[in-house]
Protein backbone atom coordinates (compact mmCIF):
# COMPACT_ATOMS: atom_id res chain seq x y z
CA MET A 1 97.07 76.58 36.85
CA SER A 2 97.16 73.05 35.43
CA ARG A 3 95.19 72.21 32.30
CA THR A 4 93.03 69.76 34.22
CA LEU A 5 92.16 72.30 36.90
CA ARG A 6 91.47 74.97 34.26
CA ALA A 7 89.17 72.57 32.38
CA LEU A 8 87.35 71.70 35.61
CA VAL A 9 86.81 75.39 36.43
CA ILE A 10 85.42 76.03 32.93
CA VAL A 11 83.04 73.07 33.17
CA LEU A 12 81.79 74.24 36.58
CA LEU A 13 81.26 77.79 35.30
CA VAL A 14 79.31 76.58 32.26
CA ALA A 15 77.21 74.25 34.40
CA SER A 16 76.37 77.03 36.86
CA CYS A 17 75.05 79.29 34.09
CA GLY A 18 72.27 76.85 33.24
CA GLY A 19 70.74 78.82 30.33
CA GLY A 20 67.51 76.92 29.78
CA GLY A 21 67.90 73.95 32.04
CA GLY A 22 66.12 73.19 35.24
CA SER A 23 66.84 74.97 38.47
CA THR A 24 66.89 72.99 41.68
CA SER A 25 65.74 75.87 43.86
CA ALA A 26 62.88 78.33 43.72
CA PRO A 27 63.45 82.02 43.05
CA LYS A 28 63.65 84.01 46.28
CA ASN A 29 60.40 86.03 46.14
CA LEU A 30 57.61 84.02 44.53
CA ASP A 31 55.01 86.67 45.34
CA ASP A 32 56.65 89.22 43.02
CA ALA A 33 56.62 88.45 39.30
CA CYS A 34 59.25 91.11 38.63
CA ALA A 35 61.60 89.68 41.26
CA ILE A 36 61.24 86.23 39.70
CA LEU A 37 62.16 87.57 36.27
CA ALA A 38 65.03 89.67 37.66
CA GLN A 39 66.50 86.60 39.29
CA ARG A 40 65.88 84.31 36.30
CA PRO A 41 66.03 86.53 33.18
CA HIS A 42 65.98 83.54 30.80
CA TYR A 43 62.40 82.90 31.92
CA VAL A 44 61.23 86.01 30.05
CA ARG A 45 62.25 84.57 26.67
CA ALA A 46 60.50 81.30 27.45
CA PHE A 47 57.26 82.94 28.61
CA ARG A 48 57.20 85.36 25.67
CA ALA A 49 57.87 82.58 23.14
CA ALA A 50 54.93 80.53 24.47
CA GLU A 51 52.74 83.63 24.55
CA ARG A 52 53.54 84.43 20.90
CA LYS A 53 53.09 80.85 19.71
CA TRP A 54 50.02 79.79 21.70
CA GLY A 55 48.43 83.00 22.99
CA VAL A 56 48.68 82.09 26.70
CA PRO A 57 49.50 85.30 28.62
CA MET A 58 52.69 85.38 30.61
CA HIS A 59 50.90 85.89 33.94
CA VAL A 60 48.71 82.80 33.38
CA GLN A 61 51.79 80.70 32.65
CA MET A 62 53.58 82.04 35.72
CA ALA A 63 50.64 81.47 38.06
CA THR A 64 50.29 77.89 36.85
CA ILE A 65 54.01 77.15 37.19
CA TYR A 66 53.96 78.68 40.66
CA GLN A 67 51.21 76.26 41.68
CA GLU A 68 52.70 73.24 39.97
CA SER A 69 56.39 73.47 40.86
CA LYS A 70 57.17 76.80 42.57
CA PHE A 71 59.52 77.37 39.60
CA ILE A 72 61.71 74.39 40.54
CA GLY A 73 62.83 72.71 37.33
CA ASN A 74 63.31 69.22 38.73
CA ALA A 75 60.22 69.18 40.97
CA ARG A 76 58.62 65.78 41.56
CA THR A 77 55.58 64.61 43.47
CA PRO A 78 56.25 63.23 46.97
CA PHE A 79 56.80 59.56 47.70
CA GLN A 80 53.96 57.44 49.02
CA TYR A 81 54.58 55.09 51.92
CA LYS A 82 53.03 51.82 53.04
CA LEU A 83 52.67 51.49 56.80
CA GLY A 84 54.13 54.96 57.04
CA VAL A 85 57.72 53.84 56.33
CA ILE A 86 58.00 51.64 53.21
CA PRO A 87 58.28 53.76 50.04
CA THR A 88 55.94 52.53 47.31
CA GLY A 89 56.76 55.07 44.61
CA ARG A 90 55.78 58.63 43.82
CA GLN A 91 52.20 59.89 43.79
CA SER A 92 52.40 60.32 40.02
CA SER A 93 54.88 60.64 37.15
CA ALA A 94 54.54 64.46 37.19
CA PHE A 95 57.92 66.13 36.77
CA GLY A 96 59.51 69.48 36.04
CA TYR A 97 58.32 73.08 35.90
CA SER A 98 54.95 72.17 34.42
CA GLN A 99 54.50 68.90 36.36
CA ALA A 100 53.57 67.18 33.10
CA LEU A 101 52.75 63.48 33.40
CA ASP A 102 54.80 60.97 31.40
CA GLY A 103 51.97 60.11 28.99
CA THR A 104 50.94 63.71 28.35
CA TRP A 105 54.56 64.73 27.84
CA ARG A 106 55.05 61.95 25.28
CA GLU A 107 51.93 63.15 23.46
CA TYR A 108 53.36 66.68 23.43
CA GLN A 109 56.75 65.44 22.16
CA GLN A 110 55.10 63.56 19.31
CA SER A 111 52.90 66.53 18.42
CA GLU A 112 55.15 69.54 19.00
CA GLY A 113 58.21 69.24 21.16
CA GLY A 114 60.31 66.52 19.61
CA SER A 115 62.18 63.81 21.44
CA ARG A 116 64.82 66.19 22.82
CA SER A 117 62.37 68.40 24.74
CA ARG A 118 62.72 68.19 28.52
CA ARG A 119 60.33 68.91 31.35
CA ASP A 120 63.14 70.51 33.39
CA ASN A 121 63.82 73.06 30.64
CA ILE A 122 61.78 76.24 31.14
CA ARG A 123 61.34 76.88 27.42
CA ASP A 124 60.08 73.35 26.75
CA ALA A 125 57.86 73.45 29.84
CA THR A 126 56.20 76.74 28.86
CA ASP A 127 55.74 75.54 25.28
CA PHE A 128 54.07 72.40 26.65
CA MET A 129 51.81 74.51 28.84
CA GLY A 130 50.84 76.74 25.92
CA TRP A 131 50.14 73.69 23.74
CA TYR A 132 47.96 72.11 26.43
CA MET A 133 46.04 75.28 27.25
CA ALA A 134 45.42 76.11 23.59
CA GLN A 135 43.85 72.66 23.21
CA SER A 136 41.69 73.33 26.28
CA ARG A 137 40.55 76.58 24.66
CA ASP A 138 39.73 74.80 21.41
CA SER A 139 37.93 71.79 22.89
CA LEU A 140 36.40 73.27 26.05
CA GLY A 141 36.02 76.96 25.18
CA ILE A 142 38.17 78.12 28.12
CA SER A 143 39.70 81.54 27.51
CA LEU A 144 43.49 81.60 27.61
CA ARG A 145 43.21 84.47 30.10
CA ASP A 146 41.06 82.37 32.48
CA ALA A 147 43.78 81.02 34.76
CA ARG A 148 41.29 79.41 37.16
CA ASN A 149 39.48 77.22 34.64
CA GLN A 150 42.61 76.57 32.59
CA TYR A 151 44.19 75.26 35.80
CA LEU A 152 41.21 73.00 36.51
CA ALA A 153 41.44 71.52 32.99
CA TYR A 154 45.22 71.24 33.37
CA HIS A 155 44.93 69.41 36.68
CA GLU A 156 41.95 67.17 35.93
CA GLY A 157 42.56 66.64 32.23
CA ARG A 158 40.08 67.81 29.63
CA THR A 159 37.83 64.75 30.05
CA GLY A 160 37.74 65.26 33.81
CA PHE A 161 36.98 68.93 33.33
CA LYS A 162 34.09 68.11 30.97
CA ARG A 163 32.66 65.72 33.56
CA GLY A 164 33.08 68.32 36.31
CA SER A 165 35.23 66.00 38.44
CA TYR A 166 36.67 69.02 40.24
CA ASN A 167 33.27 69.80 41.79
CA ASN A 168 33.80 66.98 44.31
CA LYS A 169 37.20 68.34 45.33
CA SER A 170 36.84 71.41 47.53
CA TRP A 171 40.62 71.59 48.00
CA LEU A 172 41.13 71.75 44.22
CA LEU A 173 38.52 74.48 43.80
CA ARG A 174 40.33 76.46 46.51
CA VAL A 175 43.68 75.95 44.75
CA ALA A 176 42.21 76.94 41.35
CA ASN A 177 40.83 80.14 42.90
CA GLU A 178 44.32 80.86 44.28
CA VAL A 179 45.83 80.32 40.81
CA GLY A 180 43.30 82.79 39.38
CA GLN A 181 44.11 85.37 42.08
CA ARG A 182 47.85 84.94 41.65
CA SER A 183 47.47 85.37 37.90
CA LEU A 184 45.74 88.73 38.43
CA ILE A 185 48.45 89.86 40.87
CA TYR A 186 51.21 88.81 38.47
CA GLU A 187 49.44 90.62 35.62
CA ILE A 188 49.38 93.88 37.58
CA GLN A 189 53.03 93.47 38.60
CA LEU A 190 54.19 92.62 35.08
CA ALA A 191 52.53 95.75 33.67
CA GLU A 192 54.97 97.83 35.74
CA CYS A 193 57.97 95.53 35.36
CA ARG A 194 60.93 96.44 33.16
CA HIS A 195 62.18 92.82 33.35
CA ALA A 196 59.04 91.58 31.55
CA ARG A 197 59.85 93.37 28.28
């Protein structure tokens, strides 16, 4: 085997391992927390690190990431179109596992993450989520175990949550209820899951 071919094979193998980087596809069974962790074992370290640092339970993080990106590291919002065919840009700057907006991500980088943190890295994304939710607990009094209301504050921003902007969005209330239900299901599954330890 030539040196060039050998080097190429090594580069491809390293790239396919993708330790903490973003994944471009969702895990196979999103309804089973244990199956997600079995397929992506590096997630466990990320979720546990955020749980230790910020106090946000693993199941709350997982339910929120499910809703935001379906565990796809490079997830983006869809394009908007003028006249149905002319692309005018994306719906927002949300990107990555946590779907953090550009401005909020910059605020996180300045406060906690540093300039090298990336939204398509699961460890950075979960740390961001823990940072944001801990602030929502401190300023709004939302329990870190309350996935529904944490999601509403996450989606609407803390100012929007304070104003109750979500009350005029029946679709968002439905989604927040689903996040709360999924969090409970994941919690039950994780209690029996050897991959979560």
